[in-house]
């Protein structure tokens, strides 16, 4: 069924023959990526808003991770002297910081994304999944400066990139992107109905850094807990951290092959693929949950 529409003023009319569609059609994650231009606008808006009125602007993307690294390195490595047995501890901890910060920022910002954009949610016919997805992409944007710092530091320490390292890196960030988006979808909708959920998520994400091998190594977990370390690697965020450490930290050690055997699980790539598969299933479930309750969201944004 088509409808002819006449457009234009002050000149010969133009006739557009286009099907009539509902303004709310084509929702969901597929609708988000079909509206890539609008998604780019939202991402740019979020980035501009974050640095609006800031003297240093985007330089804070470099200064913030550097400040976190210095705090952790000084307190954990120097004051408590916990870096013994972990060569190039600075690279080890910074690799974990990149992953954990990407996840926590995606989840925290994604949980608040619909409430923070309630004006747009109420006025525009657009996939509401776009807001958590945009939050994930903004968080990914801030990973870029951290990667630059990491590569420079590793090159100074004698690191050279490898194909398997690149695979580990891509797998790690794909895992976190999918997992973070799935959880952000669920919590962004739930946060509309239970406004204190955002604060609860903030408390939970503060614990993430202690559940991954950042201030300690995986080998310490393996030695202390033995076969129970098998349950530790069921944490997909810990797997993503170790994948990034495999991509960077292992390559800065004198004997990378031996270091990988001691410091990382032997089936790390397999664990990462399993974590990615589970995250994709969770993303489908999150989309189904979101779709069931999204029509009630505008009524609660008062």
Protein backbone atom coordinates (compact mmCIF):
# COMPACT_ATOMS: atom_id res chain seq x y z
CA UNK A 1 0.00 0.00 0.00
CA UNK A 2 1.50 3.37 -1.06
CA UNK A 3 0.58 6.97 -0.52
CA UNK A 4 1.53 9.80 -2.91
CA UNK A 5 2.67 12.90 -1.06
CA UNK A 6 3.25 16.30 -2.65
CA UNK A 7 6.17 18.27 -1.27
CA UNK A 8 7.89 21.58 -1.94
CA UNK A 9 6.90 25.22 -1.97
CA UNK A 10 7.45 27.98 -4.53
CA UNK A 11 8.36 25.61 -7.35
CA UNK A 12 7.16 22.60 -9.22
CA UNK A 13 5.82 20.01 -6.79
CA UNK A 14 7.77 16.84 -6.14
CA UNK A 15 5.88 13.62 -5.69
CA UNK A 16 7.27 11.02 -3.33
CA UNK A 17 5.84 7.54 -3.57
CA UNK A 18 6.62 5.88 -0.22
CA UNK A 19 4.84 3.28 1.91
CA UNK A 20 3.01 4.43 5.00
CA UNK A 21 4.69 3.05 8.12
CA UNK A 22 4.10 3.48 11.80
CA UNK A 23 6.49 5.98 13.44
CA UNK A 24 7.20 3.32 16.06
CA UNK A 25 7.94 0.56 13.55
CA UNK A 26 11.33 -1.07 13.23
CA UNK A 27 12.19 -0.83 16.92
CA UNK A 28 14.78 -2.85 18.81
CA UNK A 29 18.52 -3.12 18.32
CA UNK A 30 18.11 -3.63 14.57
CA UNK A 31 16.26 -0.32 14.42
CA UNK A 32 19.07 1.36 16.34
CA UNK A 33 21.70 0.46 13.79
CA UNK A 34 19.41 1.30 10.87
CA UNK A 35 19.34 4.82 12.31
CA UNK A 36 23.12 5.16 12.45
CA UNK A 37 23.00 8.89 11.74
CA UNK A 38 20.82 9.52 14.79
CA UNK A 39 23.04 7.21 16.84
CA UNK A 40 26.12 9.22 15.81
CA UNK A 41 24.36 12.43 16.83
CA UNK A 42 23.57 10.99 20.27
CA UNK A 43 27.16 9.84 20.77
CA UNK A 44 28.55 13.25 19.75
CA UNK A 45 26.02 14.95 22.02
CA UNK A 46 27.09 12.81 24.99
CA UNK A 47 30.78 13.46 24.37
CA UNK A 48 30.25 17.22 23.89
CA UNK A 49 28.11 17.43 27.04
CA UNK A 50 30.77 15.66 29.08
CA UNK A 51 33.47 18.18 28.20
CA UNK A 52 31.30 21.29 27.85
CA UNK A 53 32.88 24.21 29.67
CA UNK A 54 36.05 22.21 30.30
CA UNK A 55 39.38 23.96 29.74
CA UNK A 56 41.28 20.77 28.84
CA UNK A 57 38.39 19.14 26.99
CA UNK A 58 39.14 15.72 25.55
CA UNK A 59 42.57 15.69 27.23
CA UNK A 60 40.72 14.51 30.33
CA UNK A 61 40.28 11.20 28.48
CA UNK A 62 44.04 10.78 28.87
CA UNK A 63 44.45 12.36 32.29
CA UNK A 64 41.71 10.36 34.05
CA UNK A 65 43.12 6.89 33.26
CA UNK A 66 46.64 8.14 34.01
CA UNK A 67 45.49 9.42 37.40
CA UNK A 68 43.77 6.11 38.20
CA UNK A 69 46.85 4.20 37.17
CA UNK A 70 49.14 6.34 39.35
CA UNK A 71 46.85 5.91 42.37
CA UNK A 72 46.63 2.14 42.03
CA UNK A 73 50.30 1.74 41.21
CA UNK A 74 51.46 3.89 44.10
CA UNK A 75 49.04 2.58 46.74
CA UNK A 76 49.00 -1.08 45.74
CA UNK A 77 52.46 -1.43 44.29
CA UNK A 78 54.51 0.86 46.50
CA UNK A 79 52.71 1.31 49.82
CA UNK A 80 51.44 -2.28 50.15
CA UNK A 81 54.20 -3.76 47.98
CA UNK A 82 51.83 -6.25 46.36
CA UNK A 83 53.53 -6.26 42.97
CA UNK A 84 56.15 -8.84 43.95
CA UNK A 85 56.10 -11.73 41.50
CA UNK A 86 54.29 -9.67 38.84
CA UNK A 87 56.81 -8.40 36.26
CA UNK A 88 55.96 -5.07 34.64
CA UNK A 89 53.21 -4.56 37.19
CA UNK A 90 52.30 -1.19 35.66
CA UNK A 91 51.23 -2.79 32.37
CA UNK A 92 49.43 -5.61 34.21
CA UNK A 93 47.32 -3.21 36.23
CA UNK A 94 46.64 -0.76 33.41
CA UNK A 95 45.37 -3.53 31.11
CA UNK A 96 42.86 -4.49 33.80
CA UNK A 97 41.91 -0.86 34.38
CA UNK A 98 41.05 -0.41 30.70
CA UNK A 99 38.65 -3.33 30.67
CA UNK A 100 37.06 -2.74 34.08
CA UNK A 101 36.60 0.97 33.40
CA UNK A 102 34.99 0.26 30.01
CA UNK A 103 32.52 -2.13 31.60
CA UNK A 104 31.65 -0.02 34.65
CA UNK A 105 31.25 3.17 32.61
CA UNK A 106 29.02 1.37 30.10
CA UNK A 107 26.83 -0.09 32.83
CA UNK A 108 26.62 3.04 35.00
CA UNK A 109 25.95 5.44 32.11
CA UNK A 110 23.66 2.95 30.36
CA UNK A 111 21.55 2.41 33.51
CA UNK A 112 20.87 6.16 33.73
CA UNK A 113 20.63 6.78 29.97
CA UNK A 114 16.84 6.70 29.59
CA UNK A 115 16.16 8.88 32.63
CA UNK A 116 18.87 11.30 31.55
CA UNK A 117 17.26 11.62 28.10
CA UNK A 118 13.63 11.49 29.18
CA UNK A 119 12.77 14.57 27.09
CA UNK A 120 13.83 12.81 23.90
CA UNK A 121 12.20 9.55 24.95
CA UNK A 122 8.82 11.22 25.44
CA UNK A 123 8.87 13.41 22.32
CA UNK A 124 10.52 11.35 19.59
CA UNK A 125 9.47 8.09 17.96
CA UNK A 126 12.77 6.25 18.05
CA UNK A 127 14.11 2.96 19.40
CA UNK A 128 14.64 3.54 23.09
CA UNK A 129 17.44 0.97 22.99
CA UNK A 130 19.45 3.69 21.28
CA UNK A 131 20.29 5.38 24.59
CA UNK A 132 22.04 2.42 26.29
CA UNK A 133 23.81 1.62 22.99
CA UNK A 134 24.99 5.23 22.69
CA UNK A 135 26.33 5.04 26.27
CA UNK A 136 28.32 1.93 25.33
CA UNK A 137 29.81 3.67 22.28
CA UNK A 138 30.74 6.74 24.31
CA UNK A 139 32.54 4.47 26.79
CA UNK A 140 34.29 2.75 23.87
CA UNK A 141 35.37 6.16 22.58
CA UNK A 142 37.19 6.76 25.86
CA UNK A 143 39.05 3.46 25.52
CA UNK A 144 40.95 4.95 22.56
CA UNK A 145 43.21 7.28 24.60
CA UNK A 146 43.90 4.47 27.08
CA UNK A 147 44.99 2.20 24.24
CA UNK A 148 47.35 4.90 22.99
CA UNK A 149 48.96 5.15 26.44
CA UNK A 150 49.18 1.36 26.68
CA UNK A 151 50.80 0.89 23.27
CA UNK A 152 53.41 3.59 23.94
CA UNK A 153 54.30 2.11 27.33
CA UNK A 154 54.55 -1.44 25.93
CA UNK A 155 56.71 -0.41 22.97
CA UNK A 156 59.12 1.25 25.39
CA UNK A 157 59.31 -2.08 27.27
CA UNK A 158 60.13 -4.01 24.09
CA UNK A 159 56.65 -5.24 23.14
CA UNK A 160 55.83 -6.13 19.55
CA UNK A 161 52.28 -6.81 18.33
CA UNK A 162 51.26 -10.32 17.31
CA UNK A 163 48.29 -11.76 15.44
CA UNK A 164 47.09 -13.73 18.47
CA UNK A 165 47.47 -10.63 20.61
CA UNK A 166 45.22 -8.72 18.22
CA UNK A 167 42.67 -11.55 18.33
CA UNK A 168 42.73 -11.52 22.15
CA UNK A 169 42.26 -7.75 22.22
CA UNK A 170 39.31 -7.75 19.81
CA UNK A 171 37.68 -10.67 21.58
CA UNK A 172 38.03 -8.96 24.97
CA UNK A 173 36.38 -5.72 23.90
CA UNK A 174 33.68 -7.49 21.88
CA UNK A 175 32.82 -9.50 25.00
CA UNK A 176 32.62 -6.38 27.19
CA UNK A 177 30.66 -4.40 24.58
CA UNK A 178 28.00 -7.12 24.26
CA UNK A 179 27.82 -7.91 27.98
CA UNK A 180 27.75 -4.23 28.99
CA UNK A 181 25.03 -3.42 26.44
CA UNK A 182 22.89 -6.38 27.53
CA UNK A 183 23.02 -5.40 31.20
CA UNK A 184 22.56 -1.70 30.37
CA UNK A 185 19.37 -2.52 28.44
CA UNK A 186 17.88 -4.37 31.39
CA UNK A 187 18.91 -1.88 34.06
CA UNK A 188 18.07 1.24 32.03
CA UNK A 189 14.45 0.08 31.76
CA UNK A 190 14.30 -1.11 35.36
CA UNK A 191 15.77 2.18 36.58
CA UNK A 192 12.73 4.02 35.20
CA UNK A 193 10.49 2.06 37.57
CA UNK A 194 12.89 1.80 40.52
CA UNK A 195 14.90 5.02 40.64
CA UNK A 196 17.34 3.86 43.33
CA UNK A 197 18.60 1.07 41.06
CA UNK A 198 21.16 3.43 39.53
CA UNK A 199 22.78 3.96 42.93
CA UNK A 200 22.80 0.22 43.58
CA UNK A 201 24.52 -0.42 40.24
CA UNK A 202 27.14 2.18 41.17
CA UNK A 203 27.92 0.32 44.39
CA UNK A 204 28.16 -3.04 42.61
CA UNK A 205 30.46 -1.70 39.87
CA UNK A 206 32.84 -0.38 42.51
CA UNK A 207 33.55 -4.00 43.41
CA UNK A 208 34.38 -5.07 39.85
CA UNK A 209 38.07 -4.16 40.10
CA UNK A 210 38.53 -6.60 43.00
CA UNK A 211 36.94 -9.51 41.12
CA UNK A 212 39.43 -9.40 38.23
CA UNK A 213 43.22 -9.99 38.16
CA UNK A 214 44.28 -6.37 38.47
CA UNK A 215 46.02 -5.80 41.82
CA UNK A 216 46.83 -9.51 41.92
CA UNK A 217 47.64 -12.02 39.17
CA UNK A 218 45.65 -15.03 38.04
CA UNK A 219 48.55 -17.27 39.08
CA UNK A 220 47.97 -16.16 42.70
CA UNK A 221 44.33 -17.27 42.44
CA UNK A 222 45.41 -20.58 40.93
CA UNK A 223 47.96 -21.24 43.67
CA UNK A 224 45.74 -20.23 46.58
CA UNK A 225 42.42 -21.78 45.54
CA UNK A 226 43.54 -24.72 43.39
CA UNK A 227 40.67 -26.32 41.50
CA UNK A 228 38.30 -23.60 42.69
CA UNK A 229 40.13 -21.27 40.31
CA UNK A 230 38.00 -22.96 37.62
CA UNK A 231 35.03 -21.04 39.00
CA UNK A 232 37.00 -17.79 38.94
CA UNK A 233 37.37 -17.95 35.15
CA UNK A 234 33.59 -18.20 34.79
CA UNK A 235 33.59 -14.43 35.32
CA UNK A 236 33.55 -13.03 31.74
CA UNK A 237 34.99 -9.70 32.88
CA UNK A 238 37.99 -11.49 34.40
CA UNK A 239 38.41 -13.39 31.13
CA UNK A 240 38.34 -10.12 29.17
CA UNK A 241 40.97 -8.64 31.50
CA UNK A 242 43.27 -11.62 30.99
CA UNK A 243 42.77 -11.44 27.22
CA UNK A 244 43.99 -7.83 27.21
CA UNK A 245 46.88 -8.80 29.47
CA UNK A 246 47.68 -11.54 26.96
CA UNK A 247 47.67 -8.93 24.18
CA UNK A 248 49.96 -6.45 25.96
CA UNK A 249 51.44 -7.48 29.31
CA UNK A 250 52.70 -10.94 28.31
CA UNK A 251 54.61 -9.45 25.38
CA UNK A 252 56.62 -7.18 27.71
CA UNK A 253 58.04 -10.12 29.72
CA UNK A 254 61.40 -11.65 28.78
CA UNK A 255 59.97 -15.13 28.14
CA UNK A 256 56.39 -14.58 26.91
CA UNK A 257 55.63 -18.26 26.25
CA UNK A 258 56.59 -19.36 29.76
CA UNK A 259 54.91 -16.31 31.30
CA UNK A 260 51.64 -17.12 29.53
CA UNK A 261 51.77 -20.73 30.77
CA UNK A 262 52.19 -19.59 34.37
CA UNK A 263 50.15 -16.39 34.53
CA UNK A 264 47.11 -17.16 32.33
CA UNK A 265 44.68 -20.06 31.83
CA UNK A 266 45.73 -22.41 29.05
CA UNK A 267 42.29 -22.20 27.38
CA UNK A 268 41.92 -18.42 27.56
CA UNK A 269 40.66 -17.92 23.98
CA UNK A 270 38.10 -20.67 24.50
CA UNK A 271 36.93 -19.03 27.72
CA UNK A 272 36.60 -15.71 25.91
CA UNK A 273 34.53 -17.26 23.11
CA UNK A 274 32.26 -18.98 25.64
CA UNK A 275 31.85 -15.68 27.50
CA UNK A 276 31.01 -13.91 24.23
CA UNK A 277 28.44 -16.58 23.35
CA UNK A 278 26.77 -16.31 26.76
CA UNK A 279 26.78 -12.52 26.47
CA UNK A 280 25.07 -12.71 23.06
CA UNK A 281 22.36 -14.95 24.54
CA UNK A 282 21.96 -12.48 27.42
CA UNK A 283 21.67 -9.64 24.87
CA UNK A 284 18.78 -11.44 23.15
CA UNK A 285 17.07 -12.00 26.51
CA UNK A 286 17.66 -8.36 27.46
CA UNK A 287 16.08 -7.21 24.19
CA UNK A 288 13.01 -9.36 24.82
CA UNK A 289 12.63 -8.00 28.37
CA UNK A 290 13.12 -4.43 27.17
CA UNK A 291 10.55 -4.85 24.37
CA UNK A 292 7.92 -6.11 26.80
CA UNK A 293 8.12 -3.09 29.09
CA UNK A 294 9.27 -0.23 26.85
CA UNK A 295 5.71 0.97 26.06
CA UNK A 296 5.22 1.67 29.77
CA UNK A 297 8.41 3.76 30.01
CA UNK A 298 7.07 7.16 28.76
CA UNK A 299 4.23 7.06 31.32
CA UNK A 300 6.77 6.78 34.14
CA UNK A 301 8.98 9.63 32.89
CA UNK A 302 7.08 12.40 34.63
